N, C-alpha and C. Protein backbone atom coordinates (compact mmCIF):
# COMPACT_ATOMS: atom_id res chain seq x y z
N MET A 1 49.21 150.91 70.47
CA MET A 1 48.94 151.19 69.15
C MET A 1 47.80 151.79 69.40
N THR A 2 47.91 153.13 68.70
CA THR A 2 46.79 153.91 68.69
C THR A 2 45.72 154.06 67.69
N ARG A 3 46.11 153.02 66.62
CA ARG A 3 45.38 153.48 65.40
C ARG A 3 44.38 152.99 65.56
N PRO A 4 43.19 153.19 64.34
CA PRO A 4 42.14 152.53 64.38
C PRO A 4 42.65 150.70 64.61
N LEU A 5 41.94 149.40 65.27
CA LEU A 5 42.11 147.87 65.73
C LEU A 5 42.27 147.36 64.46
N ALA A 6 42.22 147.31 62.87
CA ALA A 6 42.08 146.83 62.28
C ALA A 6 43.75 147.31 61.27
N ALA A 7 43.74 148.54 61.42
CA ALA A 7 45.10 149.27 60.92
C ALA A 7 46.31 148.74 61.81
N ALA A 8 45.93 148.91 63.24
CA ALA A 8 47.42 148.37 64.19
C ALA A 8 47.25 147.41 64.08
N GLU A 9 46.46 146.40 63.79
CA GLU A 9 46.82 144.94 64.04
C GLU A 9 48.03 145.18 62.87
N SER A 10 46.90 145.42 61.51
CA SER A 10 48.39 145.30 60.48
C SER A 10 49.45 145.89 60.42
N PHE A 11 50.24 146.92 61.20
CA PHE A 11 50.79 147.64 61.89
C PHE A 11 52.27 146.37 61.98
N VAL A 12 51.33 146.10 63.36
CA VAL A 12 52.44 144.90 64.06
C VAL A 12 52.67 143.66 63.34
N ASP A 13 51.66 143.43 62.60
CA ASP A 13 51.96 141.95 61.93
C ASP A 13 52.95 142.10 60.98
N GLY A 14 53.08 143.75 60.48
CA GLY A 14 54.42 143.94 59.43
C GLY A 14 55.51 143.89 60.45
N LEU A 15 55.77 143.89 61.80
CA LEU A 15 57.17 143.93 62.30
C LEU A 15 57.73 142.52 62.41
N PRO A 16 58.76 142.84 61.85
CA PRO A 16 59.84 141.42 61.77
C PRO A 16 59.33 140.33 63.18
N ALA A 17 58.90 139.44 62.97
CA ALA A 17 58.84 138.39 64.54
C ALA A 17 60.39 138.59 65.54
N GLY A 18 61.11 138.89 65.17
CA GLY A 18 62.06 138.67 66.25
C GLY A 18 62.62 140.37 66.87
N GLY A 19 62.22 141.30 65.94
CA GLY A 19 61.85 142.62 66.86
C GLY A 19 60.96 142.74 67.77
N ARG A 20 59.32 142.00 67.07
CA ARG A 20 58.32 142.15 68.06
C ARG A 20 58.46 141.44 69.45
N ALA A 21 59.06 140.31 69.18
CA ALA A 21 59.48 139.70 70.24
C ALA A 21 59.47 139.84 71.72
N GLY A 22 60.51 140.98 72.16
CA GLY A 22 60.42 141.65 73.36
C GLY A 22 59.56 142.81 73.73
N LEU A 23 58.48 142.83 72.86
CA LEU A 23 57.38 144.02 73.31
C LEU A 23 56.01 143.35 73.61
N ARG A 24 55.44 143.97 74.43
CA ARG A 24 54.27 143.92 74.98
C ARG A 24 53.43 145.00 74.30
N VAL A 25 52.76 144.53 72.94
CA VAL A 25 51.71 145.33 72.62
C VAL A 25 50.57 145.80 72.97
N ILE A 26 50.32 147.21 73.27
CA ILE A 26 48.82 147.62 73.77
C ILE A 26 48.11 147.80 72.87
N TYR A 27 46.68 147.35 72.39
CA TYR A 27 46.19 148.48 71.07
C TYR A 27 44.97 148.91 72.32
N ALA A 28 45.23 150.63 71.96
CA ALA A 28 44.51 151.24 72.52
C ALA A 28 43.96 152.43 71.03
N PRO A 29 42.88 151.80 70.28
CA PRO A 29 42.62 152.67 69.25
C PRO A 29 41.90 154.21 69.91
N LEU A 30 42.27 155.08 69.35
CA LEU A 30 41.49 156.49 69.51
C LEU A 30 41.09 157.05 68.54
N MET A 31 40.95 156.12 67.41
CA MET A 31 39.76 156.60 66.86
C MET A 31 39.25 155.60 66.11
N GLU A 32 37.84 155.69 65.48
CA GLU A 32 37.03 154.80 65.04
C GLU A 32 36.66 155.09 64.06
N ILE A 33 36.72 154.43 62.70
CA ILE A 33 36.03 154.85 61.56
C ILE A 33 34.41 154.82 61.56
N ARG A 34 33.66 155.65 61.01
CA ARG A 34 32.53 155.42 60.90
C ARG A 34 32.12 155.52 59.66
N PRO A 35 31.66 154.71 58.69
CA PRO A 35 31.09 154.85 57.14
C PRO A 35 29.96 156.16 57.08
N ALA A 36 29.70 156.96 56.21
CA ALA A 36 28.76 157.72 56.11
C ALA A 36 27.59 157.19 55.77
N ARG A 37 27.64 155.98 54.76
CA ARG A 37 26.17 155.35 54.59
C ARG A 37 26.06 156.26 53.64
N ALA A 38 26.67 156.66 52.84
CA ALA A 38 25.48 157.51 51.48
C ALA A 38 26.35 157.37 50.27
N PRO A 39 25.02 157.35 49.27
CA PRO A 39 25.86 157.07 48.07
C PRO A 39 26.95 158.08 47.27
N VAL A 40 27.89 157.27 46.77
CA VAL A 40 29.09 158.47 46.35
C VAL A 40 28.46 158.72 44.87
N ALA A 41 28.62 160.14 44.97
CA ALA A 41 28.04 161.00 43.62
C ALA A 41 29.50 160.73 42.33
N LEU A 42 29.12 159.81 41.99
CA LEU A 42 30.22 159.63 40.54
C LEU A 42 29.90 160.09 39.59
N GLN A 43 28.76 160.31 39.08
CA GLN A 43 28.26 161.00 37.48
C GLN A 43 28.98 162.23 37.36
N GLY A 44 29.64 161.59 36.15
CA GLY A 44 30.67 162.93 35.40
C GLY A 44 32.15 162.94 35.71
N VAL A 45 32.22 162.40 36.64
CA VAL A 45 33.21 161.99 37.42
C VAL A 45 34.76 161.16 36.86
N LYS A 46 35.31 161.54 36.40
CA LYS A 46 36.94 160.86 35.47
C LYS A 46 37.86 160.40 36.40
N GLY A 47 37.67 160.43 37.98
CA GLY A 47 38.56 159.74 38.40
C GLY A 47 38.84 160.22 39.99
N VAL A 48 38.90 159.56 40.77
CA VAL A 48 38.92 160.04 42.27
C VAL A 48 39.96 159.67 42.86
N ILE A 49 40.36 160.52 44.02
CA ILE A 49 41.20 160.36 44.81
C ILE A 49 40.75 159.81 46.31
N PHE A 50 42.06 158.97 46.81
CA PHE A 50 42.13 158.49 48.37
C PHE A 50 43.26 159.12 48.82
N THR A 51 43.23 159.52 50.29
CA THR A 51 43.95 159.90 50.98
C THR A 51 44.45 158.64 52.03
N SER A 52 43.42 157.98 52.12
CA SER A 52 43.85 156.73 53.21
C SER A 52 42.97 155.21 52.63
N ALA A 53 43.45 154.31 53.03
CA ALA A 53 42.59 152.93 53.03
C ALA A 53 41.18 153.24 53.42
N SER A 54 41.11 153.69 54.32
CA SER A 54 39.49 153.85 54.84
C SER A 54 38.64 154.65 53.77
N GLY A 55 38.87 154.97 53.17
CA GLY A 55 38.36 156.25 52.07
C GLY A 55 37.98 155.41 51.20
N ALA A 56 39.00 154.70 50.41
CA ALA A 56 38.75 153.23 49.58
C ALA A 56 37.62 152.43 50.05
N GLU A 57 37.99 151.81 51.34
CA GLU A 57 36.48 151.01 51.75
C GLU A 57 35.68 151.52 51.88
N ALA A 58 35.37 152.73 52.51
CA ALA A 58 34.24 153.38 53.05
C ALA A 58 33.61 153.42 51.25
N ALA A 59 33.69 154.11 50.79
CA ALA A 59 33.28 154.53 49.15
C ALA A 59 32.76 152.98 48.54
N SER A 60 33.88 152.09 48.24
CA SER A 60 33.44 150.90 47.97
C SER A 60 32.62 150.19 48.10
N ARG A 61 32.09 150.80 49.64
CA ARG A 61 30.81 149.88 49.82
C ARG A 61 29.68 149.98 49.07
N GLU A 62 29.43 151.82 48.86
CA GLU A 62 28.44 152.64 48.14
C GLU A 62 28.53 152.99 46.96
N THR A 63 28.94 152.26 46.45
CA THR A 63 28.95 152.46 44.61
C THR A 63 29.86 150.94 43.96
N THR A 64 29.46 150.27 42.88
CA THR A 64 29.68 149.44 42.43
C THR A 64 31.10 150.13 41.05
N VAL A 65 31.09 151.42 40.81
CA VAL A 65 31.13 152.11 39.90
C VAL A 65 33.40 151.78 40.15
N ARG A 66 33.99 151.64 39.10
CA ARG A 66 35.50 151.92 39.59
C ARG A 66 36.22 152.40 38.55
N LEU A 67 37.01 153.23 38.99
CA LEU A 67 37.44 154.37 38.15
C LEU A 67 38.82 154.76 38.33
N PRO A 68 39.85 155.30 37.78
CA PRO A 68 41.17 155.50 38.27
C PRO A 68 41.22 156.18 39.43
N ALA A 69 42.10 155.49 40.31
CA ALA A 69 42.23 156.22 41.96
C ALA A 69 43.57 156.76 41.83
N TYR A 70 43.48 157.70 42.38
CA TYR A 70 44.92 158.55 41.96
C TYR A 70 45.29 158.81 44.47
N CYS A 71 46.38 157.89 44.37
CA CYS A 71 46.49 157.91 46.20
C CYS A 71 47.64 158.42 46.83
N VAL A 72 47.36 158.61 47.67
CA VAL A 72 48.50 158.71 48.93
C VAL A 72 49.06 157.66 49.52
N GLY A 73 50.59 157.38 49.10
CA GLY A 73 50.78 156.37 49.62
C GLY A 73 50.71 154.78 48.92
N GLU A 74 51.63 153.58 49.34
CA GLU A 74 51.48 152.41 48.74
C GLU A 74 50.32 151.87 49.22
N ARG A 75 50.42 151.77 50.54
CA ARG A 75 49.05 151.36 51.39
C ARG A 75 47.94 151.36 50.82
N THR A 76 47.59 152.96 50.53
CA THR A 76 46.34 153.35 50.34
C THR A 76 45.99 152.64 49.01
N ALA A 77 46.93 152.68 47.98
CA ALA A 77 46.77 152.43 46.50
C ALA A 77 46.55 150.80 46.53
N GLN A 78 47.49 150.26 47.06
CA GLN A 78 47.26 148.69 47.47
C GLN A 78 45.56 148.41 47.85
N ALA A 79 44.92 149.11 48.91
CA ALA A 79 43.73 148.76 49.14
C ALA A 79 42.79 148.73 48.41
N ALA A 80 42.90 150.13 47.52
CA ALA A 80 41.76 150.47 46.62
C ALA A 80 42.11 149.61 45.42
N ALA A 81 43.55 148.83 44.64
CA ALA A 81 43.66 148.24 43.93
C ALA A 81 42.84 146.77 44.46
N GLU A 82 42.97 146.40 45.39
CA GLU A 82 42.20 144.97 45.90
C GLU A 82 40.61 145.27 45.79
N LEU A 83 40.18 146.47 46.08
CA LEU A 83 38.48 146.45 45.72
C LEU A 83 38.01 146.63 44.22
N GLY A 84 39.04 146.89 43.67
CA GLY A 84 39.06 147.12 42.01
C GLY A 84 39.25 148.02 41.24
N TRP A 85 39.73 149.34 42.14
CA TRP A 85 39.54 150.85 41.69
C TRP A 85 41.29 150.56 40.77
N GLN A 86 41.50 151.55 39.97
CA GLN A 86 42.50 151.29 38.83
C GLN A 86 43.85 152.50 39.47
N ALA A 87 44.33 151.95 40.31
CA ALA A 87 44.52 152.86 41.69
C ALA A 87 46.26 153.15 40.89
N GLU A 88 46.63 154.26 41.84
CA GLU A 88 48.06 154.60 41.23
C GLU A 88 48.47 155.09 42.64
N ALA A 89 49.48 154.94 42.49
CA ALA A 89 50.33 156.04 44.31
C ALA A 89 50.88 156.92 43.75
N LEU A 90 50.76 158.40 43.87
CA LEU A 90 51.22 159.41 43.69
C LEU A 90 51.98 160.46 44.97
N GLY A 91 53.10 159.65 45.65
CA GLY A 91 53.30 160.87 46.76
C GLY A 91 53.09 159.95 47.83
N GLN A 92 53.52 160.18 49.09
CA GLN A 92 53.33 160.00 50.54
C GLN A 92 52.51 161.01 51.19
N CYS A 93 52.17 162.00 50.46
CA CYS A 93 51.15 163.35 51.38
C CYS A 93 50.32 164.23 50.60
N ALA A 94 49.75 165.06 51.21
CA ALA A 94 48.44 165.42 50.09
C ALA A 94 49.28 166.23 49.10
N ASP A 95 50.51 166.91 49.97
CA ASP A 95 51.46 167.87 48.74
C ASP A 95 52.25 167.32 47.78
N GLU A 96 52.50 166.24 47.96
CA GLU A 96 53.30 165.31 46.73
C GLU A 96 52.37 164.78 45.51
N LEU A 97 50.70 164.63 46.36
CA LEU A 97 49.57 164.06 44.96
C LEU A 97 49.45 165.51 44.60
N THR A 98 49.07 165.92 44.84
CA THR A 98 48.74 167.67 44.43
C THR A 98 49.47 167.98 43.50
N ALA A 99 51.07 168.18 43.55
CA ALA A 99 51.79 168.54 42.38
C ALA A 99 51.55 167.12 41.52
N ALA A 100 52.01 166.03 41.72
CA ALA A 100 51.55 165.23 40.87
C ALA A 100 50.50 165.16 39.80
N LEU A 101 49.47 165.20 40.32
CA LEU A 101 48.19 165.44 39.77
C LEU A 101 48.20 166.66 38.73
N LEU A 102 48.94 167.86 39.35
CA LEU A 102 48.88 169.14 38.76
C LEU A 102 49.98 168.71 37.20
N GLN A 103 50.97 168.11 37.29
CA GLN A 103 51.62 167.85 36.52
C GLN A 103 51.39 166.79 35.56
N GLN A 104 50.77 165.46 35.83
CA GLN A 104 50.20 164.78 35.05
C GLN A 104 49.08 165.29 34.03
N ARG A 105 47.74 166.00 34.96
CA ARG A 105 46.80 166.65 34.44
C ARG A 105 45.80 165.51 33.88
N PRO A 106 45.41 164.58 34.42
CA PRO A 106 44.20 163.37 33.96
C PRO A 106 43.43 163.63 33.54
N ALA A 107 42.29 163.26 33.16
CA ALA A 107 41.33 163.58 32.78
C ALA A 107 40.28 163.92 34.09
N ALA A 108 39.38 165.04 33.89
CA ALA A 108 38.71 165.70 34.78
C ALA A 108 37.23 166.00 34.62
N PRO A 109 36.48 166.06 35.85
CA PRO A 109 36.57 166.40 37.08
C PRO A 109 37.32 165.42 37.75
N LEU A 110 38.26 165.24 38.86
CA LEU A 110 38.15 164.65 39.93
C LEU A 110 37.61 164.24 41.03
N LEU A 111 37.04 163.45 41.86
CA LEU A 111 36.22 163.73 43.12
C LEU A 111 37.42 163.12 44.47
N HIS A 112 37.58 163.82 45.29
CA HIS A 112 38.27 163.40 46.57
C HIS A 112 37.31 162.89 47.77
N LEU A 113 37.31 161.41 47.70
CA LEU A 113 36.59 160.87 48.79
C LEU A 113 37.52 160.64 49.87
N ARG A 114 36.99 161.30 51.02
CA ARG A 114 37.64 161.77 52.13
C ARG A 114 36.89 161.43 53.50
N GLY A 115 37.62 161.74 54.92
CA GLY A 115 37.36 161.56 55.93
C GLY A 115 36.54 163.23 56.23
N ALA A 116 35.82 162.90 57.14
CA ALA A 116 35.35 164.50 57.88
C ALA A 116 36.35 165.49 58.35
N HIS A 117 37.70 164.79 59.07
CA HIS A 117 38.68 165.34 59.07
C HIS A 117 39.89 164.98 58.36
N THR A 118 40.57 166.02 57.81
CA THR A 118 41.67 165.94 56.86
C THR A 118 42.42 167.16 56.46
N ARG A 119 43.76 166.81 56.01
CA ARG A 119 44.47 168.25 56.01
C ARG A 119 44.68 168.47 54.53
N GLY A 120 45.05 169.44 53.96
CA GLY A 120 45.62 169.36 52.63
C GLY A 120 44.65 170.34 51.59
N SER A 121 43.66 170.20 52.08
CA SER A 121 42.70 170.94 51.12
C SER A 121 43.02 170.81 49.41
N ILE A 122 43.41 169.08 49.08
CA ILE A 122 43.13 168.78 47.87
C ILE A 122 42.40 168.85 46.69
N ALA A 123 40.93 169.05 47.37
CA ALA A 123 40.26 169.38 46.40
C ALA A 123 40.07 171.41 45.47
N ARG A 124 40.02 171.91 46.39
CA ARG A 124 40.75 173.33 46.42
C ARG A 124 41.85 173.62 45.70
N ARG A 125 43.16 172.83 46.13
CA ARG A 125 44.00 173.81 45.50
C ARG A 125 44.36 173.03 44.10
N LEU A 126 43.49 171.70 43.73
CA LEU A 126 43.91 171.59 42.31
C LEU A 126 42.45 172.41 41.57
N THR A 127 41.35 172.57 41.97
CA THR A 127 40.54 173.62 41.36
C THR A 127 41.21 175.10 40.85
N GLU A 128 41.47 175.18 41.94
CA GLU A 128 42.22 176.82 41.79
C GLU A 128 43.84 176.51 40.71
N ALA A 129 44.16 175.27 40.86
CA ALA A 129 45.02 175.40 40.01
C ALA A 129 44.77 174.96 38.75
N GLY A 130 43.12 175.04 38.46
CA GLY A 130 42.99 174.86 36.89
C GLY A 130 42.75 173.09 36.53
N LEU A 131 42.64 172.37 37.42
CA LEU A 131 42.18 170.94 37.52
C LEU A 131 41.12 170.93 38.50
N PRO A 132 39.87 170.86 38.04
CA PRO A 132 38.53 170.25 38.93
C PRO A 132 38.72 169.46 39.53
N CYS A 133 38.39 169.82 40.67
CA CYS A 133 38.26 168.62 41.98
C CYS A 133 36.91 168.70 42.81
N GLY A 134 36.06 167.99 43.11
CA GLY A 134 35.12 167.92 44.51
C GLY A 134 35.79 167.33 45.38
N GLU A 135 34.62 166.79 46.06
CA GLU A 135 35.11 166.37 47.45
C GLU A 135 33.75 165.75 48.30
N GLN A 136 33.75 164.83 48.58
CA GLN A 136 32.36 164.36 49.40
C GLN A 136 32.92 163.37 50.61
N ILE A 137 32.64 163.57 51.81
CA ILE A 137 32.84 162.85 52.75
C ILE A 137 32.47 161.43 52.92
N VAL A 138 33.04 160.12 53.01
CA VAL A 138 32.72 159.04 53.04
C VAL A 138 32.65 158.55 54.28
N TYR A 139 33.30 158.71 55.22
CA TYR A 139 33.57 158.37 56.54
C TYR A 139 34.11 159.40 57.91
N ASP A 140 33.73 159.20 58.84
CA ASP A 140 33.84 160.02 59.88
C ASP A 140 34.81 159.30 60.66
N GLN A 141 35.36 159.77 61.77
CA GLN A 141 37.09 159.71 62.55
C GLN A 141 36.68 159.84 64.09
N GLU A 142 35.67 159.31 64.45
CA GLU A 142 35.70 159.77 66.16
C GLU A 142 36.45 159.17 67.06
N LEU A 143 36.72 160.19 67.87
CA LEU A 143 37.75 159.98 68.65
C LEU A 143 37.51 159.44 69.71
N LEU A 144 38.15 158.20 70.33
CA LEU A 144 37.99 157.49 71.68
C LEU A 144 39.00 157.73 72.77
N PRO A 145 38.30 156.91 73.97
CA PRO A 145 39.30 157.53 75.46
C PRO A 145 40.43 156.03 75.45
N LEU A 146 41.11 156.68 76.03
CA LEU A 146 41.80 155.48 76.06
C LEU A 146 41.50 153.96 76.79
N THR A 147 42.02 153.04 76.46
CA THR A 147 41.17 151.90 77.15
C THR A 147 42.27 152.01 78.33
N ALA A 148 41.36 150.94 79.31
CA ALA A 148 41.96 150.68 80.77
C ALA A 148 43.42 150.14 80.42
N GLU A 149 43.79 149.56 79.92
CA GLU A 149 44.90 148.57 79.97
C GLU A 149 46.13 149.66 79.09
N ALA A 150 45.42 150.42 78.39
CA ALA A 150 46.76 151.73 78.35
C ALA A 150 46.91 152.74 79.34
N GLN A 151 45.58 153.14 80.22
CA GLN A 151 45.98 153.85 81.01
C GLN A 151 46.78 153.44 82.61
N ALA A 152 46.52 151.78 82.57
CA ALA A 152 47.56 151.54 83.43
C ALA A 152 49.02 151.61 82.97
N ALA A 153 49.16 151.07 81.75
CA ALA A 153 50.33 150.98 81.61
C ALA A 153 51.18 152.54 81.14
N LEU A 154 50.17 153.54 81.03
CA LEU A 154 51.01 154.80 81.05
C LEU A 154 50.90 155.42 82.77
N ALA A 155 50.37 154.90 83.32
CA ALA A 155 50.32 154.90 84.82
C ALA A 155 51.80 154.63 85.87
N ALA A 156 51.74 153.33 85.47
CA ALA A 156 53.01 152.48 85.78
C ALA A 156 54.36 153.36 85.81
N GLN A 157 54.33 154.30 85.06
CA GLN A 157 55.67 154.36 84.84
C GLN A 157 56.96 154.05 84.61
N THR A 158 56.51 153.02 83.26
CA THR A 158 57.58 152.08 82.47
C THR A 158 57.91 152.89 81.15
N ASP A 159 59.20 152.31 80.76
CA ASP A 159 59.10 153.18 79.01
C ASP A 159 57.87 152.54 78.26
N VAL A 160 57.17 153.75 77.74
CA VAL A 160 56.70 152.80 76.58
C VAL A 160 56.61 153.55 75.35
N ILE A 161 56.44 152.92 74.42
CA ILE A 161 56.57 153.35 72.99
C ILE A 161 55.34 153.67 72.31
N VAL A 162 55.00 155.06 71.94
CA VAL A 162 53.76 155.16 71.49
C VAL A 162 53.95 155.90 69.63
N PRO A 163 54.00 155.18 68.44
CA PRO A 163 53.68 155.24 67.62
C PRO A 163 52.10 156.16 67.10
N LEU A 164 52.30 157.47 66.82
CA LEU A 164 51.18 158.61 66.39
C LEU A 164 51.51 158.81 64.81
N PHE A 165 49.93 158.39 64.36
CA PHE A 165 49.98 158.44 62.68
C PHE A 165 49.23 159.68 61.92
N SER A 166 48.43 160.60 62.87
CA SER A 166 48.04 161.69 62.62
C SER A 166 47.77 162.85 63.48
N PRO A 167 48.21 164.17 63.17
CA PRO A 167 48.33 164.94 63.92
C PRO A 167 46.70 165.50 64.46
N ARG A 168 45.80 164.68 64.26
CA ARG A 168 44.50 165.05 65.30
C ARG A 168 44.56 163.77 66.29
N THR A 169 44.72 162.25 66.17
CA THR A 169 45.36 161.67 67.28
C THR A 169 46.36 162.12 67.97
N ALA A 170 47.42 162.64 67.32
CA ALA A 170 48.72 163.20 68.48
C ALA A 170 47.96 164.07 69.37
N ARG A 171 47.29 165.30 68.89
CA ARG A 171 46.60 166.06 69.77
C ARG A 171 45.84 165.65 70.26
N HIS A 172 45.23 164.56 70.41
CA HIS A 172 43.93 163.53 71.38
C HIS A 172 44.70 163.22 72.41
N PHE A 173 45.81 162.40 71.84
CA PHE A 173 46.96 161.18 72.99
C PHE A 173 47.51 162.64 73.64
N ALA A 174 47.84 163.78 73.91
CA ALA A 174 48.31 164.25 74.38
C ALA A 174 47.55 165.02 75.17
N ASN A 175 46.32 165.10 74.93
CA ASN A 175 45.13 165.61 76.04
C ASN A 175 45.18 164.66 76.98
N LEU A 176 45.51 163.40 76.64
CA LEU A 176 44.64 162.36 77.35
C LEU A 176 46.25 161.78 78.06
N CYS A 177 47.12 161.73 78.13
CA CYS A 177 48.30 160.75 78.33
C CYS A 177 49.03 161.28 79.83
N GLY A 178 48.59 162.66 80.36
CA GLY A 178 48.91 163.00 81.97
C GLY A 178 50.61 163.01 81.88
N ASP A 179 51.31 162.85 82.77
CA ASP A 179 52.58 162.37 82.88
C ASP A 179 53.35 161.72 81.86
N ALA A 180 54.09 162.65 80.81
CA ALA A 180 54.42 161.68 79.68
C ALA A 180 56.21 161.33 79.92
N SER A 181 56.68 161.56 80.63
CA SER A 181 57.61 162.03 81.20
C SER A 181 58.75 160.38 80.55
N HIS A 182 57.85 159.24 80.83
CA HIS A 182 58.64 157.88 80.59
C HIS A 182 58.13 157.84 79.33
N LEU A 183 57.67 158.55 78.61
CA LEU A 183 57.36 158.04 76.66
C LEU A 183 58.24 158.43 75.90
N HIS A 184 58.20 157.37 74.97
CA HIS A 184 58.91 157.36 73.62
C HIS A 184 57.62 157.72 72.51
N LEU A 185 57.83 158.95 72.56
CA LEU A 185 56.72 159.15 71.04
C LEU A 185 57.63 159.14 69.66
N ILE A 186 57.14 158.64 68.79
CA ILE A 186 57.01 158.13 67.19
C ILE A 186 56.10 158.83 66.62
N ALA A 187 56.43 160.32 65.73
CA ALA A 187 55.46 160.48 64.94
C ALA A 187 55.53 160.86 63.22
N LEU A 188 54.75 160.13 62.69
CA LEU A 188 54.90 159.82 61.25
C LEU A 188 55.26 160.85 60.45
N SER A 189 55.15 162.08 61.11
CA SER A 189 56.00 163.41 60.18
C SER A 189 55.95 164.50 61.19
N GLN A 190 56.17 165.92 60.47
CA GLN A 190 56.93 166.95 61.16
C GLN A 190 55.37 167.41 62.12
N ALA A 191 54.19 167.40 61.07
CA ALA A 191 52.69 167.57 61.39
C ALA A 191 52.39 167.05 62.47
N VAL A 192 52.49 165.35 62.66
CA VAL A 192 52.03 164.86 63.31
C VAL A 192 52.74 165.40 64.85
N ALA A 193 54.04 165.16 64.92
CA ALA A 193 54.78 165.61 65.94
C ALA A 193 54.81 167.01 66.40
N GLU A 194 54.27 167.52 65.88
CA GLU A 194 53.94 169.72 66.46
C GLU A 194 52.94 169.61 67.69
N PRO A 195 51.51 168.69 67.28
CA PRO A 195 50.89 168.70 68.66
C PRO A 195 51.76 167.99 70.23
N LEU A 196 52.66 167.10 69.96
CA LEU A 196 53.52 166.95 70.76
C LEU A 196 54.36 167.80 71.53
N LYS A 197 54.98 168.40 71.03
CA LYS A 197 56.24 169.40 71.29
C LYS A 197 55.97 169.80 72.69
N GLY A 198 54.20 169.65 73.17
CA GLY A 198 54.24 170.48 74.35
C GLY A 198 54.64 169.21 75.51
N LEU A 199 54.88 168.00 75.43
CA LEU A 199 54.93 167.14 76.60
C LEU A 199 56.28 167.53 77.03
N ASN A 200 56.23 166.54 78.20
CA ASN A 200 57.85 166.47 78.38
C ASN A 200 58.18 165.12 78.28
N CYS A 201 58.10 164.48 77.29
CA CYS A 201 58.65 162.86 77.03
C CYS A 201 59.78 162.68 77.44
N LYS A 202 60.22 161.68 77.26
CA LYS A 202 61.52 161.03 77.21
C LYS A 202 62.29 161.06 75.93
N ALA A 203 61.40 161.03 74.81
CA ALA A 203 62.24 160.94 73.69
C ALA A 203 60.88 161.43 72.56
N LEU A 204 61.23 162.63 71.67
CA LEU A 204 60.40 161.94 70.41
C LEU A 204 61.01 162.29 68.99
N ARG A 205 60.82 161.57 68.49
CA ARG A 205 61.11 161.26 67.24
C ARG A 205 60.36 161.53 66.06
N VAL A 206 60.53 161.85 65.04
CA VAL A 206 60.16 161.67 63.97
C VAL A 206 60.33 160.81 62.71
N SER A 207 59.35 159.89 62.19
CA SER A 207 60.00 159.43 60.87
C SER A 207 60.59 159.33 59.56
N LYS A 208 61.79 158.80 59.43
CA LYS A 208 62.34 159.29 58.53
C LYS A 208 61.83 159.33 57.16
N ALA A 209 60.38 158.76 57.12
CA ALA A 209 59.61 158.71 55.90
C ALA A 209 58.11 158.91 56.39
N PRO A 210 56.66 159.42 55.73
CA PRO A 210 55.44 159.38 56.13
C PRO A 210 54.98 157.98 55.85
N ASP A 211 55.29 156.59 56.06
CA ASP A 211 55.07 155.67 55.83
C ASP A 211 55.06 153.98 56.48
N ALA A 212 54.88 153.26 56.52
CA ALA A 212 54.50 152.15 57.49
C ALA A 212 55.60 151.26 57.52
N PRO A 213 56.99 151.54 56.74
CA PRO A 213 57.88 150.33 56.33
C PRO A 213 58.81 151.59 57.55
N ALA A 214 59.16 152.86 57.40
CA ALA A 214 60.00 153.87 58.19
C ALA A 214 59.61 153.91 59.88
N MET A 215 58.01 153.75 60.10
CA MET A 215 57.21 154.18 61.30
C MET A 215 57.85 152.41 61.83
N ALA A 216 57.66 151.50 61.53
CA ALA A 216 58.00 150.27 61.77
C ALA A 216 59.98 150.26 62.21
N ALA A 217 60.52 150.80 61.63
CA ALA A 217 61.86 150.85 61.68
C ALA A 217 62.76 151.50 62.93
N ALA A 218 61.27 152.78 63.33
CA ALA A 218 61.77 153.83 63.97
C ALA A 218 61.16 153.17 65.45
N VAL A 219 59.97 152.27 65.09
CA VAL A 219 59.82 151.64 66.69
C VAL A 219 60.87 150.74 67.07
N LEU A 220 61.16 150.07 65.84
CA LEU A 220 62.37 148.65 66.36
C LEU A 220 63.16 149.28 66.87
N ASP A 221 63.86 150.83 66.75
CA ASP A 221 64.73 151.10 66.88
C ASP A 221 65.04 151.87 68.19
N ALA A 222 63.87 152.46 68.54
CA ALA A 222 63.53 152.62 70.23
C ALA A 222 63.62 151.42 71.00
N ALA A 223 62.92 149.93 70.55
CA ALA A 223 62.96 149.31 71.40
C ALA A 223 64.06 148.64 71.73
N ALA A 224 64.59 148.72 70.58
CA ALA A 224 66.54 148.58 70.48
C ALA A 224 67.21 149.05 71.67
N GLN A 225 66.81 150.42 71.39
CA GLN A 225 67.90 151.43 72.36
C GLN A 225 67.62 150.86 74.07
N LEU A 226 66.36 150.92 74.47
CA LEU A 226 65.84 150.53 75.46
C LEU A 226 66.28 149.03 76.10
N SER A 227 66.24 148.10 75.24
CA SER A 227 67.10 146.83 75.35
C SER A 227 68.26 147.47 75.92
N ARG A 228 68.66 147.89 75.17
CA ARG A 228 70.62 148.26 75.49
C ARG A 228 70.48 149.01 76.58
N LEU A 229 69.83 149.82 76.79
CA LEU A 229 70.02 150.63 77.92
C LEU A 229 69.50 150.07 79.42
N GLU A 230 68.57 149.21 79.48
CA GLU A 230 67.88 148.20 80.72
C GLU A 230 68.20 147.01 80.70
N GLY A 231 69.14 146.60 79.51
CA GLY A 231 69.78 145.22 79.81
C GLY A 231 68.59 144.23 79.83
N LYS A 232 67.71 143.94 80.34
CA LYS A 232 66.69 143.22 80.67
C LYS A 232 65.77 143.85 80.83
N GLY A 233 64.37 143.00 81.14
CA GLY A 233 62.90 144.10 81.18
C GLY A 233 62.67 144.44 79.20
N ARG A 234 61.33 144.99 79.43
CA ARG A 234 60.58 145.12 77.97
C ARG A 234 59.71 146.11 78.05
N ALA A 235 60.43 146.71 76.99
CA ALA A 235 59.25 147.70 76.57
C ALA A 235 57.94 147.57 76.56
N GLU A 236 57.07 148.51 76.20
CA GLU A 236 55.78 148.29 75.43
C GLU A 236 55.43 149.22 74.76
């Protein structure tokens, strides 16, 4: 699991116990979330945009104001709602969120509270389409090395299932993993899969939808296939 630790543990906890039983889970976060610790500038803002739960959590530490929050994904919307925002999920990616906002035309200006590294140019696209939107960085995503346990697992040349959830993490993993011939890579989206295509991996599949349930299904499917092929032993 290469996600930040809290997100990785949440993902694993969401797997059915039966499917998880045959897996050895290795937590190897390749990214650490570091809040910016700066006041959130909400004066005059009518609504905010969150594209990750990390954005909602970081922003909530810096302001007591709670506005309508337009979110990418149900998980982000749930996290924002639990923190008191009037949260609504509008699609599973930046493109879907942008299209939904341009159709709804909510009160503006909006403010995208985001990480230092992001995709989609949401604020610019909305503003250019006539829906004013600013942006503020509320957290950074620091890249981390592979843990010793992860390095040992990769060096052992046994089958390893690696779910990857962002293009930046995928690119970082591709630079670190070395021989990928025994790896079963699962990408959240085509954008996440792109940096992995140069690896000589055993399998690369793209999740049927860019969300946690579809990623969980892909992980369990890969584990079941390995179990059938090997007859015994366990995937990691």
